[in-house]
């Protein structure tokens, strides 16, 4: 996901309401999120659906890595050769 352009990607709710279609197009075309504010504070973020899905995949991968590191640190890790054998055995069944 691209970084927010402060001059273009932060809009008040009133402006968003009156130009929803153009802001949807902007988010789709630029692949940047749009921050919607109300009373000067951020209340929502609008993302392109493909960018959102990519972000979700990255988060899931990071969670898997974090879990793996935690298991290794607690001594619950499995040697790579043993893991390979377990996977191959599972595929053959």
PDB file of N, CA and C in Angstrom:
ATOM      1  N   UNK A   1       0.844  -1.163   0.000  1.00  0.00           N
ATOM      2  CA  UNK A   1       0.000   0.000   0.000  1.00  0.00           C
ATOM      3  C   UNK A   1       0.893   1.230   0.000  1.00  0.00           C
ATOM      4  N   UNK A   2       0.497   2.197  -0.791  1.00  0.00           N
ATOM      5  CA  UNK A   2       1.261   3.440  -0.863  1.00  0.00           C
ATOM      6  C   UNK A   2       0.973   4.302   0.358  1.00  0.00           C
ATOM      7  N   UNK A   3       1.932   5.169   0.671  1.00  0.00           N
ATOM      8  CA  UNK A   3       1.781   6.069   1.816  1.00  0.00           C
ATOM      9  C   UNK A   3       0.760   7.165   1.521  1.00  0.00           C
ATOM     10  N   UNK A   4       0.142   7.643   2.560  1.00  0.00           N
ATOM     11  CA  UNK A   4      -0.852   8.708   2.442  1.00  0.00           C
ATOM     12  C   UNK A   4      -0.185  10.003   1.988  1.00  0.00           C
ATOM     13  N   UNK A   5      -0.843  10.698   1.075  1.00  0.00           N
ATOM     14  CA  UNK A   5      -0.447  12.042   0.664  1.00  0.00           C
ATOM     15  C   UNK A   5      -1.317  12.988   1.488  1.00  0.00           C
ATOM     16  N   UNK A   6      -0.728  13.671   2.445  1.00  0.00           N
ATOM     17  CA  UNK A   6      -1.482  14.478   3.411  1.00  0.00           C
ATOM     18  C   UNK A   6      -2.383  15.509   2.726  1.00  0.00           C
ATOM     19  N   UNK A   7      -1.924  16.099   1.651  1.00  0.00           N
ATOM     20  CA  UNK A   7      -2.711  17.131   0.963  1.00  0.00           C
ATOM     21  C   UNK A   7      -3.914  16.572   0.216  1.00  0.00           C
ATOM     22  N   UNK A   8      -3.874  15.295  -0.155  1.00  0.00           N
ATOM     23  CA  UNK A   8      -4.941  14.738  -0.985  1.00  0.00           C
ATOM     24  C   UNK A   8      -5.755  13.639  -0.304  1.00  0.00           C
ATOM     25  N   UNK A   9      -5.224  13.023   0.723  1.00  0.00           N
ATOM     26  CA  UNK A   9      -5.837  11.796   1.236  1.00  0.00           C
ATOM     27  C   UNK A   9      -6.457  11.917   2.625  1.00  0.00           C
ATOM     28  N   UNK A  10      -6.690  13.128   3.083  1.00  0.00           N
ATOM     29  CA  UNK A  10      -7.403  13.347   4.339  1.00  0.00           C
ATOM     30  C   UNK A  10      -8.565  14.285   4.024  1.00  0.00           C
ATOM     31  N   UNK A  11      -9.784  13.786   4.217  1.00  0.00           N
ATOM     32  CA  UNK A  11     -10.967  14.553   3.840  1.00  0.00           C
ATOM     33  C   UNK A  11     -11.980  14.563   4.979  1.00  0.00           C
ATOM     34  N   UNK A  12     -12.653  15.712   5.176  1.00  0.00           N
ATOM     35  CA  UNK A  12     -13.710  15.756   6.181  1.00  0.00           C
ATOM     36  C   UNK A  12     -14.944  14.972   5.710  1.00  0.00           C
ATOM     37  N   UNK A  13     -15.707  14.495   6.661  1.00  0.00           N
ATOM     38  CA  UNK A  13     -16.902  13.698   6.364  1.00  0.00           C
ATOM     39  C   UNK A  13     -17.841  14.438   5.414  1.00  0.00           C
ATOM     40  N   UNK A  14     -18.039  15.733   5.616  1.00  0.00           N
ATOM     41  CA  UNK A  14     -18.957  16.493   4.762  1.00  0.00           C
ATOM     42  C   UNK A  14     -18.512  16.471   3.305  1.00  0.00           C
ATOM     43  N   UNK A  15     -17.222  16.611   3.068  1.00  0.00           N
ATOM     44  CA  UNK A  15     -16.685  16.558   1.698  1.00  0.00           C
ATOM     45  C   UNK A  15     -16.791  15.147   1.133  1.00  0.00           C
ATOM     46  N   UNK A  16     -16.555  14.142   1.977  1.00  0.00           N
ATOM     47  CA  UNK A  16     -16.658  12.759   1.540  1.00  0.00           C
ATOM     48  C   UNK A  16     -18.094  12.438   1.120  1.00  0.00           C
ATOM     49  N   UNK A  17     -19.074  12.854   1.921  1.00  0.00           N
ATOM     50  CA  UNK A  17     -20.486  12.589   1.601  1.00  0.00           C
ATOM     51  C   UNK A  17     -20.878  13.136   0.237  1.00  0.00           C
ATOM     52  N   UNK A  18     -20.403  14.335  -0.064  1.00  0.00           N
ATOM     53  CA  UNK A  18     -20.817  14.971  -1.317  1.00  0.00           C
ATOM     54  C   UNK A  18     -20.044  14.468  -2.532  1.00  0.00           C
ATOM     55  N   UNK A  19     -18.943  13.729  -2.311  1.00  0.00           N
ATOM     56  CA  UNK A  19     -18.151  13.265  -3.449  1.00  0.00           C
ATOM     57  C   UNK A  19     -17.718  11.826  -3.351  1.00  0.00           C
ATOM     58  N   UNK A  20     -18.604  10.962  -2.822  1.00  0.00           N
ATOM     59  CA  UNK A  20     -18.250   9.555  -2.591  1.00  0.00           C
ATOM     60  C   UNK A  20     -17.669   8.895  -3.834  1.00  0.00           C
ATOM     61  N   UNK A  21     -18.329   9.044  -4.964  1.00  0.00           N
ATOM     62  CA  UNK A  21     -17.884   8.368  -6.188  1.00  0.00           C
ATOM     63  C   UNK A  21     -16.475   8.807  -6.588  1.00  0.00           C
ATOM     64  N   UNK A  22     -16.198  10.088  -6.492  1.00  0.00           N
ATOM     65  CA  UNK A  22     -14.860  10.558  -6.892  1.00  0.00           C
ATOM     66  C   UNK A  22     -13.788  10.075  -5.922  1.00  0.00           C
ATOM     67  N   UNK A  23     -14.128   9.956  -4.636  1.00  0.00           N
ATOM     68  CA  UNK A  23     -13.151   9.461  -3.670  1.00  0.00           C
ATOM     69  C   UNK A  23     -12.921   7.955  -3.823  1.00  0.00           C
ATOM     70  N   UNK A  24     -13.966   7.222  -4.173  1.00  0.00           N
ATOM     71  CA  UNK A  24     -13.786   5.793  -4.465  1.00  0.00           C
ATOM     72  C   UNK A  24     -12.848   5.622  -5.653  1.00  0.00           C
ATOM     73  N   UNK A  25     -13.034   6.440  -6.681  1.00  0.00           N
ATOM     74  CA  UNK A  25     -12.159   6.382  -7.855  1.00  0.00           C
ATOM     75  C   UNK A  25     -10.726   6.749  -7.473  1.00  0.00           C
ATOM     76  N   UNK A  26     -10.564   7.777  -6.655  1.00  0.00           N
ATOM     77  CA  UNK A  26      -9.230   8.205  -6.218  1.00  0.00           C
ATOM     78  C   UNK A  26      -8.515   7.063  -5.496  1.00  0.00           C
ATOM     79  N   UNK A  27      -9.196   6.408  -4.568  1.00  0.00           N
ATOM     80  CA  UNK A  27      -8.597   5.306  -3.807  1.00  0.00           C
ATOM     81  C   UNK A  27      -8.231   4.160  -4.745  1.00  0.00           C
ATOM     82  N   UNK A  28      -9.116   3.865  -5.683  1.00  0.00           N
ATOM     83  CA  UNK A  28      -8.844   2.781  -6.642  1.00  0.00           C
ATOM     84  C   UNK A  28      -7.655   3.123  -7.535  1.00  0.00           C
ATOM     85  N   UNK A  29      -7.611   4.347  -8.048  1.00  0.00           N
ATOM     86  CA  UNK A  29      -6.559   4.745  -8.987  1.00  0.00           C
ATOM     87  C   UNK A  29      -5.195   4.912  -8.320  1.00  0.00           C
ATOM     88  N   UNK A  30      -5.166   5.508  -7.138  1.00  0.00           N
ATOM     89  CA  UNK A  30      -3.892   5.816  -6.490  1.00  0.00           C
ATOM     90  C   UNK A  30      -3.371   4.671  -5.622  1.00  0.00           C
ATOM     91  N   UNK A  31      -4.267   3.775  -5.223  1.00  0.00           N
ATOM     92  CA  UNK A  31      -3.933   2.676  -4.292  1.00  0.00           C
ATOM     93  C   UNK A  31      -3.515   3.207  -2.921  1.00  0.00           C
ATOM     94  N   UNK A  32      -3.846   4.470  -2.646  1.00  0.00           N
ATOM     95  CA  UNK A  32      -3.556   5.057  -1.336  1.00  0.00           C
ATOM     96  C   UNK A  32      -4.839   5.081  -0.517  1.00  0.00           C
ATOM     97  N   UNK A  33      -4.743   4.902   0.788  1.00  0.00           N
ATOM     98  CA  UNK A  33      -5.940   4.990   1.625  1.00  0.00           C
ATOM     99  C   UNK A  33      -6.416   6.441   1.736  1.00  0.00           C
ATOM    100  N   UNK A  34      -7.692   6.597   2.058  1.00  0.00           N
ATOM    101  CA  UNK A  34      -8.282   7.907   2.284  1.00  0.00           C
ATOM    102  C   UNK A  34      -8.733   7.966   3.735  1.00  0.00           C
ATOM    103  N   UNK A  35      -8.238   8.940   4.473  1.00  0.00           N
ATOM    104  CA  UNK A  35      -8.615   9.122   5.870  1.00  0.00           C
ATOM    105  C   UNK A  35      -9.796  10.085   5.907  1.00  0.00           C
ATOM    106  N   UNK A  36     -10.868   9.669   6.566  1.00  0.00           N
ATOM    107  CA  UNK A  36     -12.064  10.501   6.691  1.00  0.00           C
ATOM    108  C   UNK A  36     -12.103  11.048   8.113  1.00  0.00           C
ATOM    109  N   UNK A  37     -12.273  12.363   8.210  1.00  0.00           N
ATOM    110  CA  UNK A  37     -12.282  13.002   9.523  1.00  0.00           C
ATOM    111  C   UNK A  37     -13.674  13.518   9.867  1.00  0.00           C
ATOM    112  N   UNK A  38     -13.890  13.650  11.161  1.00  0.00           N
ATOM    113  CA  UNK A  38     -15.129  14.249  11.658  1.00  0.00           C
ATOM    114  C   UNK A  38     -14.744  15.100  12.853  1.00  0.00           C
ATOM    115  N   UNK A  39     -15.115  16.356  12.816  1.00  0.00           N
ATOM    116  CA  UNK A  39     -14.738  17.301  13.872  1.00  0.00           C
ATOM    117  C   UNK A  39     -13.225  17.350  14.051  1.00  0.00           C
ATOM    118  N   UNK A  40     -12.490  17.239  12.930  1.00  0.00           N
ATOM    119  CA  UNK A  40     -11.043  17.366  12.945  1.00  0.00           C
ATOM    120  C   UNK A  40     -10.279  16.132  13.397  1.00  0.00           C
ATOM    121  N   UNK A  41     -10.992  15.036  13.650  1.00  0.00           N
ATOM    122  CA  UNK A  41     -10.327  13.811  14.088  1.00  0.00           C
ATOM    123  C   UNK A  41     -10.614  12.679  13.108  1.00  0.00           C
ATOM    124  N   UNK A  42      -9.609  11.818  12.895  1.00  0.00           N
ATOM    125  CA  UNK A  42      -9.794  10.671  12.010  1.00  0.00           C
ATOM    126  C   UNK A  42     -10.823   9.705  12.570  1.00  0.00           C
ATOM    127  N   UNK A  43     -11.796   9.296  11.731  1.00  0.00           N
ATOM    128  CA  UNK A  43     -12.836   8.359  12.172  1.00  0.00           C
ATOM    129  C   UNK A  43     -12.905   7.100  11.314  1.00  0.00           C
ATOM    130  N   UNK A  44     -12.334   7.145  10.108  1.00  0.00           N
ATOM    131  CA  UNK A  44     -12.406   5.981   9.231  1.00  0.00           C
ATOM    132  C   UNK A  44     -11.312   6.060   8.174  1.00  0.00           C
ATOM    133  N   UNK A  45     -11.017   4.896   7.607  1.00  0.00           N
ATOM    134  CA  UNK A  45     -10.051   4.815   6.512  1.00  0.00           C
ATOM    135  C   UNK A  45     -10.696   4.019   5.395  1.00  0.00           C
ATOM    136  N   UNK A  46     -10.649   4.548   4.189  1.00  0.00           N
ATOM    137  CA  UNK A  46     -11.181   3.870   3.011  1.00  0.00           C
ATOM    138  C   UNK A  46     -10.010   3.302   2.221  1.00  0.00           C
ATOM    139  N   UNK A  47     -10.069   1.990   1.953  1.00  0.00           N
ATOM    140  CA  UNK A  47      -8.983   1.307   1.237  1.00  0.00           C
ATOM    141  C   UNK A  47      -9.506   0.647  -0.030  1.00  0.00           C
ATOM    142  N   UNK A  48      -8.653   0.568  -1.034  1.00  0.00           N
ATOM    143  CA  UNK A  48      -8.936  -0.239  -2.213  1.00  0.00           C
ATOM    144  C   UNK A  48      -9.012  -1.698  -1.772  1.00  0.00           C
ATOM    145  N   UNK A  49      -9.952  -2.442  -2.284  1.00  0.00           N
ATOM    146  CA  UNK A  49     -10.175  -3.811  -1.824  1.00  0.00           C
ATOM    147  C   UNK A  49      -8.952  -4.703  -2.062  1.00  0.00           C
ATOM    148  N   UNK A  50      -8.255  -4.541  -3.178  1.00  0.00           N
ATOM    149  CA  UNK A  50      -7.057  -5.348  -3.437  1.00  0.00           C
ATOM    150  C   UNK A  50      -5.937  -4.992  -2.463  1.00  0.00           C
ATOM    151  N   UNK A  51      -5.822  -3.714  -2.138  1.00  0.00           N
ATOM    152  CA  UNK A  51      -4.812  -3.283  -1.165  1.00  0.00           C
ATOM    153  C   UNK A  51      -5.150  -3.843   0.218  1.00  0.00           C
ATOM    154  N   UNK A  52      -6.436  -3.865   0.555  1.00  0.00           N
ATOM    155  CA  UNK A  52      -6.859  -4.418   1.840  1.00  0.00           C
ATOM    156  C   UNK A  52      -6.528  -5.908   1.927  1.00  0.00           C
ATOM    157  N   UNK A  53      -6.825  -6.660   0.859  1.00  0.00           N
ATOM    158  CA  UNK A  53      -6.529  -8.092   0.842  1.00  0.00           C
ATOM    159  C   UNK A  53      -5.026  -8.343   0.953  1.00  0.00           C
ATOM    160  N   UNK A  54      -4.220  -7.551   0.258  1.00  0.00           N
ATOM    161  CA  UNK A  54      -2.764  -7.707   0.344  1.00  0.00           C
ATOM    162  C   UNK A  54      -2.285  -7.420   1.761  1.00  0.00           C
ATOM    163  N   UNK A  55      -2.867  -6.409   2.388  1.00  0.00           N
ATOM    164  CA  UNK A  55      -2.501  -6.069   3.761  1.00  0.00           C
ATOM    165  C   UNK A  55      -2.866  -7.215   4.713  1.00  0.00           C
ATOM    166  N   UNK A  56      -4.035  -7.813   4.514  1.00  0.00           N
ATOM    167  CA  UNK A  56      -4.458  -8.938   5.343  1.00  0.00           C
ATOM    168  C   UNK A  56      -3.489 -10.117   5.201  1.00  0.00           C
ATOM    169  N   UNK A  57      -3.069 -10.408   3.979  1.00  0.00           N
ATOM    170  CA  UNK A  57      -2.111 -11.498   3.755  1.00  0.00           C
ATOM    171  C   UNK A  57      -0.790 -11.234   4.460  1.00  0.00           C
ATOM    172  N   UNK A  58      -0.330  -9.995   4.414  1.00  0.00           N
ATOM    173  CA  UNK A  58       0.924  -9.638   5.090  1.00  0.00           C
ATOM    174  C   UNK A  58       0.785  -9.785   6.602  1.00  0.00           C
ATOM    175  N   UNK A  59      -0.338  -9.374   7.130  1.00  0.00           N
ATOM    176  CA  UNK A  59      -0.577  -9.500   8.570  1.00  0.00           C
ATOM    177  C   UNK A  59      -0.592 -10.965   8.980  1.00  0.00           C
ATOM    178  N   UNK A  60      -1.273 -11.811   8.201  1.00  0.00           N
ATOM    179  CA  UNK A  60      -1.317 -13.244   8.508  1.00  0.00           C
ATOM    180  C   UNK A  60       0.080 -13.862   8.482  1.00  0.00           C
ATOM    181  N   UNK A  61       0.884 -13.473   7.508  1.00  0.00           N
ATOM    182  CA  UNK A  61       2.259 -13.979   7.421  1.00  0.00           C
ATOM    183  C   UNK A  61       3.070 -13.544   8.637  1.00  0.00           C
ATOM    184  N   UNK A  62       2.938 -12.285   9.023  1.00  0.00           N
ATOM    185  CA  UNK A  62       3.658 -11.794  10.196  1.00  0.00           C
ATOM    186  C   UNK A  62       3.205 -12.512  11.469  1.00  0.00           C
ATOM    187  N   UNK A  63       1.904 -12.807  11.576  1.00  0.00           N
ATOM    188  CA  UNK A  63       1.405 -13.549  12.733  1.00  0.00           C
ATOM    189  C   UNK A  63       1.986 -14.954  12.759  1.00  0.00           C
ATOM    190  N   UNK A  64       2.078 -15.597  11.593  1.00  0.00           N
ATOM    191  CA  UNK A  64       2.670 -16.937  11.509  1.00  0.00           C
ATOM    192  C   UNK A  64       4.144 -16.908  11.924  1.00  0.00           C
ATOM    193  N   UNK A  65       4.860 -15.892  11.466  1.00  0.00           N
ATOM    194  CA  UNK A  65       6.271 -15.766  11.831  1.00  0.00           C
ATOM    195  C   UNK A  65       6.408 -15.556  13.334  1.00  0.00           C
ATOM    196  N   UNK A  66       5.570 -14.695  13.887  1.00  0.00           N
ATOM    197  CA  UNK A  66       5.612 -14.425  15.332  1.00  0.00           C
ATOM    198  C   UNK A  66       5.325 -15.699  16.127  1.00  0.00           C
ATOM    199  N   UNK A  67       4.321 -16.460  15.715  1.00  0.00           N
ATOM    200  CA  UNK A  67       3.996 -17.715  16.387  1.00  0.00           C
ATOM    201  C   UNK A  67       5.166 -18.691  16.283  1.00  0.00           C
ATOM    202  N   UNK A  68       5.753 -18.790  15.113  1.00  0.00           N
ATOM    203  CA  UNK A  68       6.893 -19.695  14.915  1.00  0.00           C
ATOM    204  C   UNK A  68       8.055 -19.324  15.826  1.00  0.00           C
ATOM    205  N   UNK A  69       8.363 -18.041  15.898  1.00  0.00           N
ATOM    206  CA  UNK A  69       9.460 -17.596  16.766  1.00  0.00           C
ATOM    207  C   UNK A  69       9.153 -17.885  18.235  1.00  0.00           C
ATOM    208  N   UNK A  70       7.907 -17.693  18.634  1.00  0.00           N
ATOM    209  CA  UNK A  70       7.511 -17.979  20.017  1.00  0.00           C
ATOM    210  C   UNK A  70       7.672 -19.464  20.332  1.00  0.00           C
ATOM    211  N   UNK A  71       7.271 -20.318  19.400  1.00  0.00           N
ATOM    212  CA  UNK A  71       7.396 -21.767  19.608  1.00  0.00           C
ATOM    213  C   UNK A  71       8.863 -22.174  19.694  1.00  0.00           C
ATOM    214  N   UNK A  72       9.688 -21.617  18.843  1.00  0.00           N
ATOM    215  CA  UNK A  72      11.121 -21.933  18.868  1.00  0.00           C
ATOM    216  C   UNK A  72      11.737 -21.486  20.187  1.00  0.00           C
ATOM    217  N   UNK A  73      11.415 -20.269  20.622  1.00  0.00           N
ATOM    218  CA  UNK A  73      11.973 -19.740  21.870  1.00  0.00           C
ATOM    219  C   UNK A  73      11.541 -20.553  23.087  1.00  0.00           C
ATOM    220  N   UNK A  74      10.344 -21.140  23.027  1.00  0.00           N
ATOM    221  CA  UNK A  74       9.858 -21.926  24.167  1.00  0.00           C
ATOM    222  C   UNK A  74      10.284 -23.392  24.075  1.00  0.00           C
ATOM    223  N   UNK A  75      11.101 -23.716  23.072  1.00  0.00           N
ATOM    224  CA  UNK A  75      11.600 -25.082  22.938  1.00  0.00           C
ATOM    225  C   UNK A  75      10.638 -26.037  22.263  1.00  0.00           C
ATOM    226  N   UNK A  76       9.599 -25.519  21.658  1.00  0.00           N
ATOM    227  CA  UNK A  76       8.609 -26.370  20.999  1.00  0.00           C
ATOM    228  C   UNK A  76       8.838 -26.482  19.494  1.00  0.00           C
ATOM    229  N   UNK A  77       9.957 -25.959  19.019  1.00  0.00           N
ATOM    230  CA  UNK A  77      10.267 -26.025  17.601  1.00  0.00           C
ATOM    231  C   UNK A  77      10.588 -27.447  17.167  1.00  0.00           C
ATOM    232  N   UNK A  78      10.567 -27.672  15.882  1.00  0.00           N
ATOM    233  CA  UNK A  78      10.850 -28.987  15.292  1.00  0.00           C
ATOM    234  C   UNK A  78      12.018 -28.818  14.329  1.00  0.00           C
ATOM    235  N   UNK A  79      12.973 -29.741  14.378  1.00  0.00           N
ATOM    236  CA  UNK A  79      14.098 -29.709  13.444  1.00  0.00           C
ATOM    237  C   UNK A  79      13.569 -29.751  12.015  1.00  0.00           C
ATOM    238  N   UNK A  80      14.251 -29.073  11.112  1.00  0.00           N
ATOM    239  CA  UNK A  80      13.762 -28.972   9.733  1.00  0.00           C
ATOM    240  C   UNK A  80      13.641 -30.334   9.056  1.00  0.00           C
ATOM    241  N   UNK A  81      14.567 -31.236   9.305  1.00  0.00           N
ATOM    242  CA  UNK A  81      14.473 -32.553   8.668  1.00  0.00           C
ATOM    243  C   UNK A  81      13.265 -33.318   9.188  1.00  0.00           C
ATOM    244  N   UNK A  82      12.988 -33.196  10.475  1.00  0.00           N
ATOM    245  CA  UNK A  82      11.818 -33.862  11.059  1.00  0.00           C
ATOM    246  C   UNK A  82      10.528 -33.229  10.506  1.00  0.00           C
ATOM    247  N   UNK A  83      10.515 -31.912  10.378  1.00  0.00           N
ATOM    248  CA  UNK A  83       9.342 -31.219   9.829  1.00  0.00           C
ATOM    249  C   UNK A  83       9.087 -31.665   8.393  1.00  0.00           C
ATOM    250  N   UNK A  84      10.158 -31.769   7.606  1.00  0.00           N
ATOM    251  CA  UNK A  84      10.025 -32.212   6.213  1.00  0.00           C
ATOM    252  C   UNK A  84       9.436 -33.615   6.163  1.00  0.00           C
ATOM    253  N   UNK A  85       9.941 -34.508   7.006  1.00  0.00           N
ATOM    254  CA  UNK A  85       9.433 -35.883   7.033  1.00  0.00           C
ATOM    255  C   UNK A  85       7.952 -35.914   7.415  1.00  0.00           C
ATOM    256  N   UNK A  86       7.553 -35.078   8.385  1.00  0.00           N
ATOM    257  CA  UNK A  86       6.148 -35.025   8.801  1.00  0.00           C
ATOM    258  C   UNK A  86       5.263 -34.536   7.653  1.00  0.00           C
ATOM    259  N   UNK A  87       5.724 -33.529   6.933  1.00  0.00           N
ATOM    260  CA  UNK A  87       4.948 -32.978   5.813  1.00  0.00           C
ATOM    261  C   UNK A  87       4.828 -34.023   4.700  1.00  0.00           C
ATOM    262  N   UNK A  88       5.944 -34.652   4.345  1.00  0.00           N
ATOM    263  CA  UNK A  88       5.898 -35.655   3.290  1.00  0.00           C
ATOM    264  C   UNK A  88       5.005 -36.822   3.673  1.00  0.00           C
ATOM    265  N   UNK A  89       5.047 -37.227   4.910  1.00  0.00           N
ATOM    266  CA  UNK A  89       4.202 -38.318   5.379  1.00  0.00           C
ATOM    267  C   UNK A  89       2.733 -37.921   5.258  1.00  0.00           C
ATOM    268  N   UNK A  90       2.413 -36.657   5.603  1.00  0.00           N
ATOM    269  CA  UNK A  90       1.038 -36.168   5.502  1.00  0.00           C
ATOM    270  C   UNK A  90       0.547 -36.101   4.066  1.00  0.00           C
ATOM    271  N   UNK A  91       1.431 -35.776   3.144  1.00  0.00           N
ATOM    272  CA  UNK A  91       1.056 -35.683   1.728  1.00  0.00           C
ATOM    273  C   UNK A  91       0.765 -37.078   1.159  1.00  0.00           C
ATOM    274  N   UNK A  92       1.526 -38.054   1.598  1.00  0.00           N
ATOM    275  CA  UNK A  92       1.359 -39.419   1.066  1.00  0.00           C
ATOM    276  C   UNK A  92       0.073 -40.078   1.562  1.00  0.00           C
ATOM    277  N   UNK A  93      -0.426 -39.646   2.702  1.00  0.00           N
ATOM    278  CA  UNK A  93      -1.658 -40.251   3.266  1.00  0.00           C
ATOM    279  C   UNK A  93      -2.875 -39.738   2.613  1.00  0.00           C
TER     280      UNK A  93
END
